[in-house]
Amino acid sequence: MDPQGPVAAAIDELWWLMLGLGIAVFAVFLVLLVIGLVREPTEQADADPQRRIRRWLVGGGVVLPLVVVTVVFGATVRAMQAVPGVAPPGALVVEIIGHQWRYEVGYPEEGVTAVDELHLPVGRPVALHLTSADVIHSFWVPELGGKLDMLPDGTNVLVLQADRPGQYTARCAEFCGLGHASMQLDVVAESPEAFASWVAAQQ
């Protein structure tokens, strides 16, 4: 609900569109339901009741859902295009290993390792190489967007970018055992200069 990166912004727009469409469809059917409940029965019989029923079935059962699904599908494809499939050149590479119940964070090019703490330079794409040492975990920073599973038998790559400095929390979005609720990671988005200073201090 508070996007701080381009991927999160695209997902946020899609969420608001789906909420608006859901409310609109609910309101239409609520109005029709109320009309049906309070309407007085007409004395004059309908000349062709089957034709009226077919109109309602086609309009409410085919046309309206088709319009809603088409709009949502188009918006979803547009949002998916904002999610990078591969890391762009110059992206910072970070390796994150999920454990029960902590995150091991490594910066291979910088030679730095941290636990439950992820630092990101603002304005630079970051390629998170996600894997697990035990069970399936799921990495998710809601404000930066994107959610991806951490698997014990492979590596998934999630590309994120923070647009402005801030502190966020990454949570495991996959039940992974009794300590699942406390498995979280502090994410610090900072200026490139502050990030370089942090790396130097860790080294």
N, C-alpha and C. Protein backbone atom coordinates (compact mmCIF):
# COMPACT_ATOMS: atom_id res chain seq x y z
N MET A 1 0.81 -1.21 0.00
CA MET A 1 0.00 0.00 0.00
C MET A 1 0.85 1.27 0.00
N ASP A 2 2.18 1.08 0.14
CA ASP A 2 3.09 2.22 0.15
C ASP A 2 4.30 1.88 -0.71
N PRO A 3 4.12 1.83 -2.04
CA PRO A 3 5.21 1.38 -2.92
C PRO A 3 6.41 2.32 -2.88
N GLN A 4 7.60 1.72 -2.78
CA GLN A 4 8.84 2.48 -2.74
C GLN A 4 9.79 2.09 -3.87
N GLY A 5 9.28 1.37 -4.84
CA GLY A 5 10.09 0.94 -5.97
C GLY A 5 9.21 0.73 -7.19
N PRO A 6 9.80 0.63 -8.38
CA PRO A 6 9.01 0.51 -9.62
C PRO A 6 8.17 -0.75 -9.68
N VAL A 7 8.69 -1.88 -9.20
CA VAL A 7 7.91 -3.12 -9.22
C VAL A 7 6.72 -3.01 -8.27
N ALA A 8 6.97 -2.50 -7.07
CA ALA A 8 5.88 -2.35 -6.10
C ALA A 8 4.82 -1.38 -6.62
N ALA A 9 5.24 -0.34 -7.33
CA ALA A 9 4.28 0.63 -7.87
C ALA A 9 3.37 -0.02 -8.90
N ALA A 10 3.93 -0.88 -9.76
CA ALA A 10 3.11 -1.57 -10.76
C ALA A 10 2.12 -2.51 -10.10
N ILE A 11 2.57 -3.24 -9.07
CA ILE A 11 1.69 -4.17 -8.36
C ILE A 11 0.60 -3.39 -7.61
N ASP A 12 0.97 -2.24 -7.05
CA ASP A 12 0.01 -1.41 -6.32
C ASP A 12 -1.09 -0.90 -7.24
N GLU A 13 -0.72 -0.45 -8.44
CA GLU A 13 -1.72 0.02 -9.40
C GLU A 13 -2.69 -1.10 -9.78
N LEU A 14 -2.14 -2.30 -9.99
CA LEU A 14 -3.00 -3.43 -10.33
C LEU A 14 -3.95 -3.76 -9.18
N TRP A 15 -3.45 -3.70 -7.95
CA TRP A 15 -4.28 -4.00 -6.78
C TRP A 15 -5.44 -3.01 -6.66
N TRP A 16 -5.15 -1.72 -6.83
CA TRP A 16 -6.21 -0.72 -6.73
C TRP A 16 -7.24 -0.89 -7.84
N LEU A 17 -6.79 -1.24 -9.05
CA LEU A 17 -7.73 -1.47 -10.15
C LEU A 17 -8.66 -2.64 -9.83
N MET A 18 -8.07 -3.74 -9.33
CA MET A 18 -8.88 -4.92 -8.99
C MET A 18 -9.85 -4.61 -7.85
N LEU A 19 -9.41 -3.82 -6.88
CA LEU A 19 -10.31 -3.43 -5.79
C LEU A 19 -11.47 -2.59 -6.33
N GLY A 20 -11.16 -1.62 -7.19
CA GLY A 20 -12.21 -0.78 -7.77
C GLY A 20 -13.21 -1.57 -8.59
N LEU A 21 -12.71 -2.50 -9.41
CA LEU A 21 -13.61 -3.33 -10.21
C LEU A 21 -14.46 -4.23 -9.32
N GLY A 22 -13.85 -4.77 -8.28
CA GLY A 22 -14.60 -5.63 -7.35
C GLY A 22 -15.72 -4.87 -6.67
N ILE A 23 -15.43 -3.65 -6.24
CA ILE A 23 -16.46 -2.83 -5.59
C ILE A 23 -17.57 -2.48 -6.59
N ALA A 24 -17.17 -2.14 -7.84
CA ALA A 24 -18.17 -1.77 -8.85
C ALA A 24 -19.09 -2.95 -9.16
N VAL A 25 -18.52 -4.13 -9.35
CA VAL A 25 -19.34 -5.31 -9.65
C VAL A 25 -20.25 -5.64 -8.46
N PHE A 26 -19.70 -5.56 -7.26
CA PHE A 26 -20.51 -5.82 -6.07
C PHE A 26 -21.67 -4.82 -5.97
N ALA A 27 -21.39 -3.54 -6.26
CA ALA A 27 -22.43 -2.52 -6.18
C ALA A 27 -23.53 -2.78 -7.21
N VAL A 28 -23.15 -3.17 -8.44
CA VAL A 28 -24.15 -3.45 -9.47
C VAL A 28 -25.08 -4.58 -9.04
N PHE A 29 -24.49 -5.67 -8.55
CA PHE A 29 -25.33 -6.79 -8.14
C PHE A 29 -26.13 -6.48 -6.89
N LEU A 30 -25.60 -5.65 -6.00
CA LEU A 30 -26.35 -5.26 -4.81
C LEU A 30 -27.58 -4.44 -5.20
N VAL A 31 -27.39 -3.50 -6.14
CA VAL A 31 -28.51 -2.69 -6.62
C VAL A 31 -29.56 -3.57 -7.27
N LEU A 32 -29.13 -4.51 -8.13
CA LEU A 32 -30.08 -5.40 -8.79
C LEU A 32 -30.82 -6.27 -7.78
N LEU A 33 -30.12 -6.71 -6.74
CA LEU A 33 -30.75 -7.52 -5.71
C LEU A 33 -31.82 -6.73 -4.96
N VAL A 34 -31.48 -5.49 -4.60
CA VAL A 34 -32.44 -4.64 -3.89
C VAL A 34 -33.66 -4.36 -4.77
N ILE A 35 -33.42 -4.06 -6.05
CA ILE A 35 -34.54 -3.82 -6.97
C ILE A 35 -35.44 -5.04 -7.05
N GLY A 36 -34.81 -6.21 -7.13
CA GLY A 36 -35.60 -7.44 -7.21
C GLY A 36 -36.40 -7.71 -5.95
N LEU A 37 -35.87 -7.28 -4.79
CA LEU A 37 -36.58 -7.53 -3.53
C LEU A 37 -37.74 -6.57 -3.30
N VAL A 38 -37.55 -5.31 -3.73
CA VAL A 38 -38.58 -4.31 -3.43
C VAL A 38 -39.56 -4.09 -4.57
N ARG A 39 -39.29 -4.62 -5.74
CA ARG A 39 -40.16 -4.39 -6.89
C ARG A 39 -41.49 -5.10 -6.71
N GLU A 40 -42.54 -4.38 -7.03
CA GLU A 40 -43.88 -4.97 -6.97
C GLU A 40 -44.09 -5.85 -8.21
N PRO A 41 -44.70 -6.99 -8.03
CA PRO A 41 -44.97 -7.85 -9.20
C PRO A 41 -45.95 -7.16 -10.15
N THR A 42 -45.66 -7.24 -11.43
CA THR A 42 -46.53 -6.61 -12.43
C THR A 42 -47.71 -7.51 -12.72
N GLU A 43 -48.85 -6.88 -12.96
CA GLU A 43 -50.06 -7.65 -13.26
C GLU A 43 -50.01 -8.19 -14.68
N GLN A 44 -49.37 -7.43 -15.57
CA GLN A 44 -49.32 -7.85 -16.96
C GLN A 44 -48.21 -8.88 -17.13
N ALA A 45 -48.53 -10.01 -17.60
CA ALA A 45 -47.55 -11.08 -17.79
C ALA A 45 -46.59 -10.70 -18.91
N ASP A 46 -45.37 -11.11 -18.74
CA ASP A 46 -44.35 -10.85 -19.76
C ASP A 46 -44.68 -11.65 -21.01
N ALA A 47 -44.65 -10.96 -22.14
CA ALA A 47 -45.00 -11.62 -23.39
C ALA A 47 -44.00 -12.73 -23.74
N ASP A 48 -42.74 -12.50 -23.43
CA ASP A 48 -41.70 -13.49 -23.77
C ASP A 48 -40.71 -13.59 -22.61
N PRO A 49 -41.04 -14.33 -21.55
CA PRO A 49 -40.15 -14.40 -20.39
C PRO A 49 -38.80 -15.04 -20.71
N GLN A 50 -38.78 -15.97 -21.66
CA GLN A 50 -37.50 -16.62 -22.01
C GLN A 50 -36.53 -15.62 -22.62
N ARG A 51 -37.06 -14.70 -23.41
CA ARG A 51 -36.20 -13.69 -24.03
C ARG A 51 -35.58 -12.79 -22.96
N ARG A 52 -36.37 -12.40 -21.95
CA ARG A 52 -35.86 -11.56 -20.86
C ARG A 52 -34.78 -12.31 -20.06
N ILE A 53 -35.02 -13.59 -19.81
CA ILE A 53 -34.04 -14.39 -19.07
C ILE A 53 -32.73 -14.50 -19.86
N ARG A 54 -32.85 -14.71 -21.18
CA ARG A 54 -31.65 -14.82 -22.02
C ARG A 54 -30.85 -13.52 -22.00
N ARG A 55 -31.57 -12.38 -22.01
CA ARG A 55 -30.88 -11.07 -21.96
C ARG A 55 -30.07 -10.95 -20.68
N TRP A 56 -30.67 -11.32 -19.55
CA TRP A 56 -29.96 -11.23 -18.27
C TRP A 56 -28.77 -12.19 -18.23
N LEU A 57 -28.97 -13.40 -18.75
CA LEU A 57 -27.88 -14.37 -18.74
C LEU A 57 -26.71 -13.91 -19.61
N VAL A 58 -27.00 -13.40 -20.78
CA VAL A 58 -25.94 -12.94 -21.68
C VAL A 58 -25.26 -11.69 -21.12
N GLY A 59 -26.08 -10.73 -20.65
CA GLY A 59 -25.51 -9.49 -20.14
C GLY A 59 -24.74 -9.67 -18.84
N GLY A 60 -25.40 -10.32 -17.86
CA GLY A 60 -24.78 -10.46 -16.55
C GLY A 60 -23.88 -11.66 -16.40
N GLY A 61 -24.09 -12.67 -17.25
CA GLY A 61 -23.31 -13.89 -17.10
C GLY A 61 -22.20 -14.06 -18.12
N VAL A 62 -22.25 -13.28 -19.21
CA VAL A 62 -21.21 -13.40 -20.24
C VAL A 62 -20.51 -12.06 -20.48
N VAL A 63 -21.28 -11.04 -20.84
CA VAL A 63 -20.67 -9.76 -21.24
C VAL A 63 -19.94 -9.09 -20.08
N LEU A 64 -20.62 -8.93 -18.94
CA LEU A 64 -19.99 -8.24 -17.80
C LEU A 64 -18.73 -8.97 -17.31
N PRO A 65 -18.79 -10.30 -17.06
CA PRO A 65 -17.55 -10.98 -16.65
C PRO A 65 -16.46 -10.89 -17.70
N LEU A 66 -16.82 -10.97 -18.98
CA LEU A 66 -15.82 -10.89 -20.04
C LEU A 66 -15.12 -9.54 -20.04
N VAL A 67 -15.88 -8.47 -19.85
CA VAL A 67 -15.29 -7.13 -19.79
C VAL A 67 -14.34 -7.01 -18.59
N VAL A 68 -14.79 -7.47 -17.42
CA VAL A 68 -13.97 -7.37 -16.21
C VAL A 68 -12.69 -8.20 -16.35
N VAL A 69 -12.83 -9.44 -16.82
CA VAL A 69 -11.66 -10.31 -16.97
C VAL A 69 -10.68 -9.74 -18.00
N THR A 70 -11.19 -9.18 -19.09
CA THR A 70 -10.32 -8.59 -20.12
C THR A 70 -9.54 -7.41 -19.56
N VAL A 71 -10.22 -6.55 -18.80
CA VAL A 71 -9.53 -5.40 -18.20
C VAL A 71 -8.46 -5.85 -17.22
N VAL A 72 -8.80 -6.82 -16.36
CA VAL A 72 -7.84 -7.32 -15.38
C VAL A 72 -6.67 -8.01 -16.07
N PHE A 73 -6.96 -8.78 -17.11
CA PHE A 73 -5.89 -9.48 -17.84
C PHE A 73 -4.93 -8.48 -18.47
N GLY A 74 -5.47 -7.45 -19.12
CA GLY A 74 -4.61 -6.43 -19.73
C GLY A 74 -3.76 -5.70 -18.71
N ALA A 75 -4.37 -5.35 -17.57
CA ALA A 75 -3.61 -4.67 -16.51
C ALA A 75 -2.56 -5.58 -15.90
N THR A 76 -2.87 -6.88 -15.79
CA THR A 76 -1.91 -7.83 -15.24
C THR A 76 -0.70 -7.99 -16.16
N VAL A 77 -0.96 -8.09 -17.46
CA VAL A 77 0.15 -8.20 -18.42
C VAL A 77 1.02 -6.95 -18.35
N ARG A 78 0.39 -5.80 -18.23
CA ARG A 78 1.15 -4.54 -18.12
C ARG A 78 2.00 -4.52 -16.86
N ALA A 79 1.43 -4.99 -15.74
CA ALA A 79 2.18 -5.03 -14.48
C ALA A 79 3.33 -6.03 -14.56
N MET A 80 3.08 -7.16 -15.23
CA MET A 80 4.14 -8.17 -15.36
C MET A 80 5.33 -7.63 -16.17
N GLN A 81 5.06 -6.75 -17.13
CA GLN A 81 6.14 -6.17 -17.92
C GLN A 81 7.03 -5.27 -17.08
N ALA A 82 6.51 -4.77 -15.97
CA ALA A 82 7.31 -3.92 -15.09
C ALA A 82 8.22 -4.74 -14.17
N VAL A 83 7.97 -6.05 -14.10
CA VAL A 83 8.77 -6.92 -13.26
C VAL A 83 9.90 -7.49 -14.11
N PRO A 84 11.16 -7.12 -13.83
CA PRO A 84 12.27 -7.61 -14.66
C PRO A 84 12.41 -9.12 -14.58
N GLY A 85 12.58 -9.75 -15.73
CA GLY A 85 12.80 -11.18 -15.76
C GLY A 85 14.26 -11.55 -15.51
N VAL A 86 15.15 -10.66 -15.91
CA VAL A 86 16.59 -10.86 -15.69
C VAL A 86 17.17 -9.57 -15.14
N ALA A 87 18.28 -9.70 -14.46
CA ALA A 87 18.93 -8.52 -13.87
C ALA A 87 19.59 -7.70 -14.97
N PRO A 88 19.40 -6.39 -14.96
CA PRO A 88 20.05 -5.54 -15.96
C PRO A 88 21.55 -5.43 -15.68
N PRO A 89 22.34 -5.03 -16.67
CA PRO A 89 23.77 -4.85 -16.44
C PRO A 89 24.02 -3.84 -15.32
N GLY A 90 25.01 -4.12 -14.50
CA GLY A 90 25.34 -3.21 -13.41
C GLY A 90 24.54 -3.43 -12.15
N ALA A 91 23.69 -4.44 -12.15
CA ALA A 91 22.88 -4.71 -10.95
C ALA A 91 23.78 -5.26 -9.84
N LEU A 92 23.46 -4.88 -8.62
CA LEU A 92 24.16 -5.42 -7.45
C LEU A 92 23.67 -6.84 -7.21
N VAL A 93 24.59 -7.77 -7.06
CA VAL A 93 24.23 -9.17 -6.83
C VAL A 93 24.30 -9.46 -5.33
N VAL A 94 23.20 -9.98 -4.80
CA VAL A 94 23.12 -10.35 -3.39
C VAL A 94 22.61 -11.78 -3.30
N GLU A 95 23.30 -12.61 -2.54
CA GLU A 95 22.88 -13.99 -2.34
C GLU A 95 22.22 -14.12 -0.97
N ILE A 96 20.98 -14.60 -0.97
CA ILE A 96 20.24 -14.74 0.29
C ILE A 96 19.85 -16.20 0.46
N ILE A 97 20.22 -16.77 1.60
CA ILE A 97 19.90 -18.16 1.92
C ILE A 97 18.93 -18.17 3.09
N GLY A 98 17.80 -18.82 2.90
CA GLY A 98 16.82 -18.93 3.98
C GLY A 98 17.14 -20.12 4.86
N HIS A 99 17.11 -19.89 6.16
CA HIS A 99 17.31 -20.94 7.16
C HIS A 99 16.10 -20.93 8.09
N GLN A 100 15.88 -22.02 8.80
CA GLN A 100 14.89 -21.99 9.87
C GLN A 100 15.55 -21.38 11.10
N TRP A 101 15.31 -20.13 11.47
CA TRP A 101 14.40 -19.17 10.88
C TRP A 101 15.11 -17.85 10.80
N ARG A 102 16.00 -17.73 9.85
CA ARG A 102 16.80 -16.52 9.66
C ARG A 102 17.23 -16.44 8.20
N TYR A 103 17.74 -15.27 7.83
CA TYR A 103 18.25 -15.05 6.49
C TYR A 103 19.76 -14.82 6.54
N GLU A 104 20.47 -15.54 5.70
CA GLU A 104 21.91 -15.31 5.54
C GLU A 104 22.10 -14.50 4.26
N VAL A 105 22.70 -13.34 4.39
CA VAL A 105 22.81 -12.41 3.27
C VAL A 105 24.28 -12.24 2.88
N GLY A 106 24.58 -12.52 1.63
CA GLY A 106 25.97 -12.40 1.17
C GLY A 106 26.10 -11.48 -0.03
N TYR A 107 27.16 -10.69 -0.01
CA TYR A 107 27.51 -9.81 -1.13
C TYR A 107 28.80 -10.36 -1.73
N PRO A 108 28.71 -11.26 -2.73
CA PRO A 108 29.91 -11.95 -3.21
C PRO A 108 30.98 -11.03 -3.79
N GLU A 109 30.57 -9.99 -4.52
CA GLU A 109 31.56 -9.10 -5.12
C GLU A 109 32.24 -8.21 -4.08
N GLU A 110 31.53 -7.94 -2.99
CA GLU A 110 32.08 -7.08 -1.94
C GLU A 110 32.76 -7.88 -0.83
N GLY A 111 32.51 -9.21 -0.80
CA GLY A 111 33.10 -10.03 0.24
C GLY A 111 32.51 -9.78 1.61
N VAL A 112 31.20 -9.52 1.66
CA VAL A 112 30.53 -9.19 2.92
C VAL A 112 29.39 -10.18 3.16
N THR A 113 29.22 -10.57 4.42
CA THR A 113 28.11 -11.43 4.81
C THR A 113 27.41 -10.82 6.02
N ALA A 114 26.08 -10.92 6.04
CA ALA A 114 25.30 -10.40 7.17
C ALA A 114 24.19 -11.39 7.49
N VAL A 115 23.58 -11.22 8.64
CA VAL A 115 22.47 -12.06 9.06
C VAL A 115 21.26 -11.17 9.36
N ASP A 116 20.15 -11.49 8.73
CA ASP A 116 18.88 -10.77 8.95
C ASP A 116 19.00 -9.27 8.69
N GLU A 117 19.87 -8.90 7.76
CA GLU A 117 20.06 -7.48 7.44
C GLU A 117 20.47 -7.36 5.97
N LEU A 118 19.72 -6.57 5.21
CA LEU A 118 19.98 -6.37 3.79
C LEU A 118 20.08 -4.88 3.51
N HIS A 119 21.21 -4.46 2.96
CA HIS A 119 21.42 -3.06 2.59
C HIS A 119 21.37 -2.93 1.07
N LEU A 120 20.61 -1.93 0.59
CA LEU A 120 20.45 -1.70 -0.84
C LEU A 120 20.79 -0.26 -1.19
N PRO A 121 21.56 -0.04 -2.26
CA PRO A 121 21.78 1.33 -2.71
C PRO A 121 20.56 1.85 -3.48
N VAL A 122 20.10 3.02 -3.15
CA VAL A 122 18.91 3.60 -3.79
C VAL A 122 19.19 3.86 -5.27
N GLY A 123 18.19 3.54 -6.11
CA GLY A 123 18.28 3.84 -7.53
C GLY A 123 19.04 2.81 -8.34
N ARG A 124 19.54 1.76 -7.71
CA ARG A 124 20.30 0.73 -8.44
C ARG A 124 19.56 -0.60 -8.36
N PRO A 125 19.36 -1.27 -9.50
CA PRO A 125 18.71 -2.58 -9.46
C PRO A 125 19.55 -3.57 -8.65
N VAL A 126 18.87 -4.41 -7.91
CA VAL A 126 19.55 -5.42 -7.09
C VAL A 126 19.01 -6.79 -7.47
N ALA A 127 19.91 -7.70 -7.84
CA ALA A 127 19.54 -9.07 -8.19
C ALA A 127 19.72 -9.94 -6.96
N LEU A 128 18.60 -10.37 -6.39
CA LEU A 128 18.63 -11.22 -5.21
C LEU A 128 18.61 -12.68 -5.65
N HIS A 129 19.68 -13.41 -5.38
CA HIS A 129 19.75 -14.83 -5.70
C HIS A 129 19.24 -15.59 -4.47
N LEU A 130 18.07 -16.14 -4.58
CA LEU A 130 17.37 -16.72 -3.42
C LEU A 130 17.44 -18.24 -3.43
N THR A 131 17.83 -18.80 -2.30
CA THR A 131 17.84 -20.25 -2.14
C THR A 131 17.56 -20.58 -0.67
N SER A 132 17.46 -21.86 -0.37
CA SER A 132 17.15 -22.28 1.00
C SER A 132 18.10 -23.38 1.43
N ALA A 133 18.41 -23.39 2.72
CA ALA A 133 19.28 -24.43 3.27
C ALA A 133 18.49 -25.60 3.83
N ASP A 134 17.17 -25.45 3.94
CA ASP A 134 16.38 -26.52 4.56
C ASP A 134 15.03 -26.73 3.88
N VAL A 135 14.03 -25.94 4.25
CA VAL A 135 12.68 -26.11 3.69
C VAL A 135 12.37 -24.95 2.74
N ILE A 136 11.18 -24.95 2.16
CA ILE A 136 10.79 -23.86 1.27
C ILE A 136 10.44 -22.63 2.09
N HIS A 137 11.10 -21.52 1.79
CA HIS A 137 10.77 -20.22 2.36
C HIS A 137 10.28 -19.33 1.20
N SER A 138 9.81 -18.15 1.52
CA SER A 138 9.39 -17.22 0.48
C SER A 138 9.82 -15.81 0.87
N PHE A 139 10.52 -15.14 -0.03
CA PHE A 139 11.08 -13.82 0.25
C PHE A 139 10.13 -12.74 -0.26
N TRP A 140 9.82 -11.76 0.62
CA TRP A 140 8.86 -10.72 0.22
C TRP A 140 9.13 -9.44 0.98
N VAL A 141 9.38 -8.35 0.23
CA VAL A 141 9.45 -7.00 0.80
C VAL A 141 8.29 -6.23 0.18
N PRO A 142 7.15 -6.11 0.89
CA PRO A 142 5.95 -5.53 0.28
C PRO A 142 6.17 -4.15 -0.34
N GLU A 143 6.92 -3.28 0.31
CA GLU A 143 7.11 -1.92 -0.21
C GLU A 143 7.94 -1.87 -1.48
N LEU A 144 8.74 -2.90 -1.72
CA LEU A 144 9.59 -2.93 -2.92
C LEU A 144 9.04 -3.86 -3.98
N GLY A 145 8.07 -4.69 -3.61
CA GLY A 145 7.37 -5.52 -4.58
C GLY A 145 8.08 -6.83 -4.85
N GLY A 146 7.32 -7.73 -5.42
CA GLY A 146 7.88 -9.02 -5.78
C GLY A 146 7.91 -9.98 -4.61
N LYS A 147 7.51 -11.20 -4.86
CA LYS A 147 7.53 -12.25 -3.85
C LYS A 147 7.99 -13.50 -4.57
N LEU A 148 8.98 -14.18 -4.02
CA LEU A 148 9.54 -15.33 -4.72
C LEU A 148 9.94 -16.40 -3.72
N ASP A 149 9.70 -17.66 -4.08
CA ASP A 149 10.04 -18.76 -3.21
C ASP A 149 11.55 -18.98 -3.15
N MET A 150 12.00 -19.45 -1.98
CA MET A 150 13.39 -19.83 -1.77
C MET A 150 13.39 -21.35 -1.64
N LEU A 151 13.97 -22.03 -2.62
CA LEU A 151 13.89 -23.48 -2.70
C LEU A 151 15.21 -24.13 -2.31
N PRO A 152 15.15 -25.29 -1.66
CA PRO A 152 16.39 -25.97 -1.27
C PRO A 152 17.12 -26.63 -2.44
N ASP A 153 16.44 -26.79 -3.57
CA ASP A 153 17.07 -27.49 -4.69
C ASP A 153 17.32 -26.60 -5.91
N GLY A 154 17.36 -25.29 -5.70
CA GLY A 154 17.62 -24.39 -6.82
C GLY A 154 17.70 -22.96 -6.38
N THR A 155 18.00 -22.08 -7.32
CA THR A 155 18.14 -20.64 -7.04
C THR A 155 17.18 -19.86 -7.91
N ASN A 156 16.38 -19.02 -7.29
CA ASN A 156 15.50 -18.09 -8.00
C ASN A 156 16.09 -16.69 -7.90
N VAL A 157 15.90 -15.90 -8.95
CA VAL A 157 16.44 -14.54 -8.96
C VAL A 157 15.29 -13.54 -8.96
N LEU A 158 15.32 -12.65 -7.97
CA LEU A 158 14.33 -11.59 -7.83
C LEU A 158 15.04 -10.25 -7.97
N VAL A 159 14.57 -9.41 -8.89
CA VAL A 159 15.19 -8.10 -9.12
C VAL A 159 14.33 -7.03 -8.48
N LEU A 160 14.93 -6.28 -7.56
CA LEU A 160 14.24 -5.20 -6.86
C LEU A 160 15.01 -3.90 -7.03
N GLN A 161 14.33 -2.80 -6.77
CA GLN A 161 14.98 -1.50 -6.76
C GLN A 161 14.23 -0.58 -5.80
N ALA A 162 14.97 0.10 -4.96
CA ALA A 162 14.38 1.09 -4.05
C ALA A 162 14.53 2.47 -4.66
N ASP A 163 13.46 3.24 -4.68
CA ASP A 163 13.49 4.57 -5.28
C ASP A 163 13.95 5.66 -4.31
N ARG A 164 13.80 5.39 -3.00
CA ARG A 164 14.19 6.40 -2.02
C ARG A 164 14.68 5.72 -0.75
N PRO A 165 15.46 6.41 0.04
CA PRO A 165 15.96 5.79 1.28
C PRO A 165 14.82 5.45 2.24
N GLY A 166 15.01 4.39 3.00
CA GLY A 166 14.01 3.99 3.96
C GLY A 166 14.36 2.64 4.57
N GLN A 167 13.61 2.27 5.57
CA GLN A 167 13.80 0.98 6.23
C GLN A 167 12.51 0.17 6.09
N TYR A 168 12.67 -1.07 5.67
CA TYR A 168 11.54 -1.93 5.41
C TYR A 168 11.78 -3.29 6.07
N THR A 169 10.78 -4.14 6.00
CA THR A 169 10.90 -5.47 6.59
C THR A 169 10.54 -6.52 5.55
N ALA A 170 11.45 -7.45 5.33
CA ALA A 170 11.16 -8.60 4.47
C ALA A 170 10.64 -9.72 5.36
N ARG A 171 9.60 -10.38 4.91
CA ARG A 171 9.00 -11.45 5.69
C ARG A 171 8.97 -12.73 4.86
N CYS A 172 9.03 -13.83 5.56
CA CYS A 172 8.84 -15.12 4.91
C CYS A 172 7.34 -15.29 4.67
N ALA A 173 6.97 -15.51 3.42
CA ALA A 173 5.55 -15.62 3.07
C ALA A 173 5.13 -17.07 2.84
N GLU A 174 5.92 -18.00 3.32
CA GLU A 174 5.62 -19.43 3.18
C GLU A 174 5.81 -20.08 4.54
N PHE A 175 4.77 -20.74 5.05
CA PHE A 175 4.91 -21.37 6.36
C PHE A 175 6.06 -22.36 6.33
N CYS A 176 7.02 -22.18 7.23
CA CYS A 176 8.26 -22.95 7.18
C CYS A 176 8.61 -23.59 8.52
N GLY A 177 7.65 -23.66 9.42
CA GLY A 177 7.91 -24.28 10.72
C GLY A 177 7.44 -23.40 11.86
N LEU A 178 7.75 -23.82 13.07
CA LEU A 178 7.24 -23.14 14.26
C LEU A 178 7.75 -21.71 14.40
N GLY A 179 8.93 -21.43 13.87
CA GLY A 179 9.48 -20.07 13.98
C GLY A 179 9.17 -19.18 12.80
N HIS A 180 8.23 -19.61 11.96
CA HIS A 180 7.91 -18.86 10.74
C HIS A 180 7.54 -17.40 11.01
N ALA A 181 6.71 -17.17 12.03
CA ALA A 181 6.19 -15.82 12.29
C ALA A 181 7.30 -14.83 12.66
N SER A 182 8.40 -15.32 13.19
CA SER A 182 9.48 -14.43 13.61
C SER A 182 10.59 -14.34 12.57
N MET A 183 10.42 -14.98 11.42
CA MET A 183 11.46 -14.96 10.40
C MET A 183 11.31 -13.70 9.55
N GLN A 184 12.14 -12.73 9.82
CA GLN A 184 12.09 -11.48 9.07
C GLN A 184 13.48 -10.91 8.88
N LEU A 185 13.56 -9.99 7.94
CA LEU A 185 14.84 -9.41 7.53
C LEU A 185 14.70 -7.90 7.49
N ASP A 186 15.62 -7.19 8.12
CA ASP A 186 15.62 -5.72 8.06
C ASP A 186 16.25 -5.29 6.74
N VAL A 187 15.50 -4.49 5.97
CA VAL A 187 15.97 -3.99 4.68
C VAL A 187 16.23 -2.50 4.81
N VAL A 188 17.45 -2.08 4.52
CA VAL A 188 17.84 -0.68 4.62
C VAL A 188 18.19 -0.18 3.22
N ALA A 189 17.36 0.71 2.68
CA ALA A 189 17.66 1.36 1.41
C ALA A 189 18.34 2.69 1.72
N GLU A 190 19.52 2.88 1.18
CA GLU A 190 20.30 4.08 1.50
C GLU A 190 21.00 4.61 0.26
N SER A 191 21.52 5.79 0.37
CA SER A 191 22.21 6.41 -0.76
C SER A 191 23.42 5.56 -1.14
N PRO A 192 23.88 5.65 -2.39
CA PRO A 192 25.06 4.89 -2.80
C PRO A 192 26.27 5.17 -1.91
N GLU A 193 26.41 6.42 -1.47
CA GLU A 193 27.54 6.75 -0.59
C GLU A 193 27.42 6.06 0.76
N ALA A 194 26.21 6.07 1.33
CA ALA A 194 26.00 5.40 2.61
C ALA A 194 26.18 3.89 2.47
N PHE A 195 25.74 3.35 1.34
CA PHE A 195 25.91 1.91 1.11
C PHE A 195 27.40 1.57 1.02
N ALA A 196 28.16 2.38 0.30
CA ALA A 196 29.60 2.14 0.17
C ALA A 196 30.28 2.22 1.54
N SER A 197 29.86 3.14 2.37
CA SER A 197 30.42 3.26 3.71
C SER A 197 30.08 2.04 4.54
N TRP A 198 28.84 1.54 4.42
CA TRP A 198 28.46 0.34 5.17
C TRP A 198 29.29 -0.86 4.74
N VAL A 199 29.46 -1.02 3.42
CA VAL A 199 30.27 -2.13 2.90
C VAL A 199 31.70 -2.03 3.42
N ALA A 200 32.27 -0.84 3.39
CA ALA A 200 33.65 -0.65 3.87
C ALA A 200 33.76 -1.00 5.35
N ALA A 201 32.76 -0.62 6.13
CA ALA A 201 32.79 -0.91 7.56
C ALA A 201 32.69 -2.41 7.80
N GLN A 202 31.85 -3.10 6.99
CA GLN A 202 31.72 -4.54 7.15
C GLN A 202 32.99 -5.28 6.73
N GLN A 203 33.64 -4.74 5.69
CA GLN A 203 34.89 -5.37 5.25
C GLN A 203 35.99 -5.22 6.29
